[in-house]
Structures are given as structure tokens and as C-alpha cells.
Amino acid sequence: MANGTYPSKRKLAASSLQSKADRTGQGKARARTAQSETDQLDLKKH
């Protein structure tokens, strides 16, 4: 989150998936994929 912006819904969803995977040990691959996709979309394009 740069410049005081709020995280996107996609970012919040990915974070939620990651938290659940960390707590339960289930859905780790899905959470990892969601985080990677979100991170790629958040990269600034030059």
C-alpha cells in the first residue's frame, strides 16, 4: 500500500486465503497462487 491507498478487494481476499491456509494448513497452493497473482497486478507498469 503506497501513497495512502487502501488494498483492493482482490488483495484482501488473497490475504484472507493466506491467513486461513496458515491457520489450517489447507489451501496453501491456492493461497500462494492468489497472492502471486495479486502481487503481479499491483506492480506498477513502466
N, C-alpha and C. Protein backbone atom coordinates (compact mmCIF):
# COMPACT_ATOMS: atom_id res chain seq x y z
N MET A 1 0.84 -1.17 0.00
CA MET A 1 0.00 0.00 0.00
C MET A 1 0.88 1.24 0.00
N ALA A 2 0.95 1.85 -1.12
CA ALA A 2 1.76 3.05 -1.24
C ALA A 2 0.87 4.27 -1.32
N ASN A 3 1.39 5.38 -0.89
CA ASN A 3 0.72 6.67 -1.02
C ASN A 3 -0.65 6.71 -0.35
N GLY A 4 -0.83 6.02 0.75
CA GLY A 4 -2.07 6.08 1.50
C GLY A 4 -3.26 5.43 0.83
N THR A 5 -3.02 4.55 -0.11
CA THR A 5 -4.14 3.87 -0.77
C THR A 5 -4.55 2.66 0.04
N TYR A 6 -5.77 2.24 -0.19
CA TYR A 6 -6.29 1.07 0.51
C TYR A 6 -6.10 -0.17 -0.37
N PRO A 7 -5.97 -1.33 0.25
CA PRO A 7 -5.81 -2.55 -0.55
C PRO A 7 -7.08 -2.86 -1.34
N SER A 8 -6.90 -3.45 -2.49
CA SER A 8 -8.04 -3.82 -3.33
C SER A 8 -8.78 -5.00 -2.71
N LYS A 9 -9.99 -5.23 -3.21
CA LYS A 9 -10.76 -6.38 -2.73
C LYS A 9 -10.01 -7.67 -3.03
N ARG A 10 -9.36 -7.72 -4.18
CA ARG A 10 -8.58 -8.91 -4.56
C ARG A 10 -7.45 -9.14 -3.57
N LYS A 11 -6.79 -8.06 -3.15
CA LYS A 11 -5.69 -8.16 -2.19
C LYS A 11 -6.20 -8.64 -0.84
N LEU A 12 -7.34 -8.11 -0.42
CA LEU A 12 -7.91 -8.53 0.86
C LEU A 12 -8.33 -10.00 0.81
N ALA A 13 -8.90 -10.43 -0.31
CA ALA A 13 -9.30 -11.82 -0.46
C ALA A 13 -8.09 -12.75 -0.42
N ALA A 14 -7.02 -12.35 -1.11
CA ALA A 14 -5.81 -13.17 -1.11
C ALA A 14 -5.21 -13.25 0.29
N SER A 15 -5.25 -12.15 1.00
CA SER A 15 -4.74 -12.13 2.36
C SER A 15 -5.56 -13.04 3.27
N SER A 16 -6.86 -13.02 3.07
CA SER A 16 -7.74 -13.89 3.86
C SER A 16 -7.46 -15.36 3.57
N LEU A 17 -7.30 -15.69 2.29
CA LEU A 17 -6.97 -17.07 1.92
C LEU A 17 -5.65 -17.50 2.56
N GLN A 18 -4.67 -16.60 2.55
CA GLN A 18 -3.36 -16.92 3.12
C GLN A 18 -3.46 -17.13 4.62
N SER A 19 -4.23 -16.31 5.29
CA SER A 19 -4.41 -16.45 6.74
C SER A 19 -5.05 -17.79 7.08
N LYS A 20 -6.08 -18.13 6.31
CA LYS A 20 -6.77 -19.41 6.56
C LYS A 20 -5.82 -20.58 6.31
N ALA A 21 -5.03 -20.49 5.24
CA ALA A 21 -4.08 -21.56 4.93
C ALA A 21 -3.04 -21.68 6.04
N ASP A 22 -2.59 -20.54 6.56
CA ASP A 22 -1.61 -20.57 7.64
C ASP A 22 -2.19 -21.21 8.90
N ARG A 23 -3.44 -20.91 9.19
CA ARG A 23 -4.08 -21.44 10.40
C ARG A 23 -4.41 -22.92 10.28
N THR A 24 -4.94 -23.33 9.14
CA THR A 24 -5.47 -24.69 9.00
C THR A 24 -4.54 -25.64 8.26
N GLY A 25 -3.63 -25.08 7.47
CA GLY A 25 -2.75 -25.93 6.67
C GLY A 25 -3.42 -26.39 5.38
N GLN A 26 -4.64 -25.94 5.14
CA GLN A 26 -5.37 -26.33 3.93
C GLN A 26 -5.42 -25.17 2.95
N GLY A 27 -5.34 -25.50 1.67
CA GLY A 27 -5.45 -24.47 0.63
C GLY A 27 -4.19 -23.65 0.44
N LYS A 28 -3.06 -24.21 0.81
CA LYS A 28 -1.81 -23.46 0.69
C LYS A 28 -1.48 -23.08 -0.75
N ALA A 29 -1.67 -24.03 -1.66
CA ALA A 29 -1.35 -23.76 -3.07
C ALA A 29 -2.26 -22.67 -3.63
N ARG A 30 -3.54 -22.76 -3.31
CA ARG A 30 -4.50 -21.76 -3.79
C ARG A 30 -4.15 -20.38 -3.23
N ALA A 31 -3.82 -20.31 -1.96
CA ALA A 31 -3.47 -19.04 -1.33
C ALA A 31 -2.20 -18.47 -1.95
N ARG A 32 -1.22 -19.32 -2.19
CA ARG A 32 0.03 -18.87 -2.80
C ARG A 32 -0.22 -18.30 -4.19
N THR A 33 -1.06 -18.98 -4.96
CA THR A 33 -1.39 -18.53 -6.31
C THR A 33 -2.12 -17.19 -6.26
N ALA A 34 -3.08 -17.07 -5.37
CA ALA A 34 -3.84 -15.83 -5.25
C ALA A 34 -2.92 -14.67 -4.86
N GLN A 35 -2.01 -14.92 -3.93
CA GLN A 35 -1.07 -13.87 -3.52
C GLN A 35 -0.17 -13.47 -4.68
N SER A 36 0.33 -14.43 -5.43
CA SER A 36 1.21 -14.15 -6.56
C SER A 36 0.50 -13.34 -7.63
N GLU A 37 -0.72 -13.75 -7.96
CA GLU A 37 -1.49 -13.03 -8.98
C GLU A 37 -1.76 -11.60 -8.54
N THR A 38 -2.12 -11.42 -7.29
CA THR A 38 -2.40 -10.09 -6.78
C THR A 38 -1.15 -9.23 -6.78
N ASP A 39 -0.03 -9.81 -6.38
CA ASP A 39 1.22 -9.06 -6.38
C ASP A 39 1.61 -8.63 -7.78
N GLN A 40 1.41 -9.50 -8.75
CA GLN A 40 1.72 -9.15 -10.13
C GLN A 40 0.84 -7.99 -10.62
N LEU A 41 -0.42 -7.99 -10.25
CA LEU A 41 -1.33 -6.93 -10.67
C LEU A 41 -1.00 -5.61 -9.98
N ASP A 42 -0.41 -5.69 -8.79
CA ASP A 42 -0.08 -4.47 -8.04
C ASP A 42 1.21 -3.80 -8.52
N LEU A 43 2.01 -4.51 -9.30
CA LEU A 43 3.24 -3.93 -9.79
C LEU A 43 2.94 -2.76 -10.72
N LYS A 44 3.67 -1.71 -10.56
CA LYS A 44 3.48 -0.56 -11.44
C LYS A 44 4.06 -0.87 -12.80
N LYS A 45 3.36 -0.46 -13.81
CA LYS A 45 3.84 -0.67 -15.17
C LYS A 45 4.59 0.57 -15.63
N HIS A 46 5.71 0.32 -16.26
CA HIS A 46 6.54 1.45 -16.73
C HIS A 46 6.46 1.56 -18.22
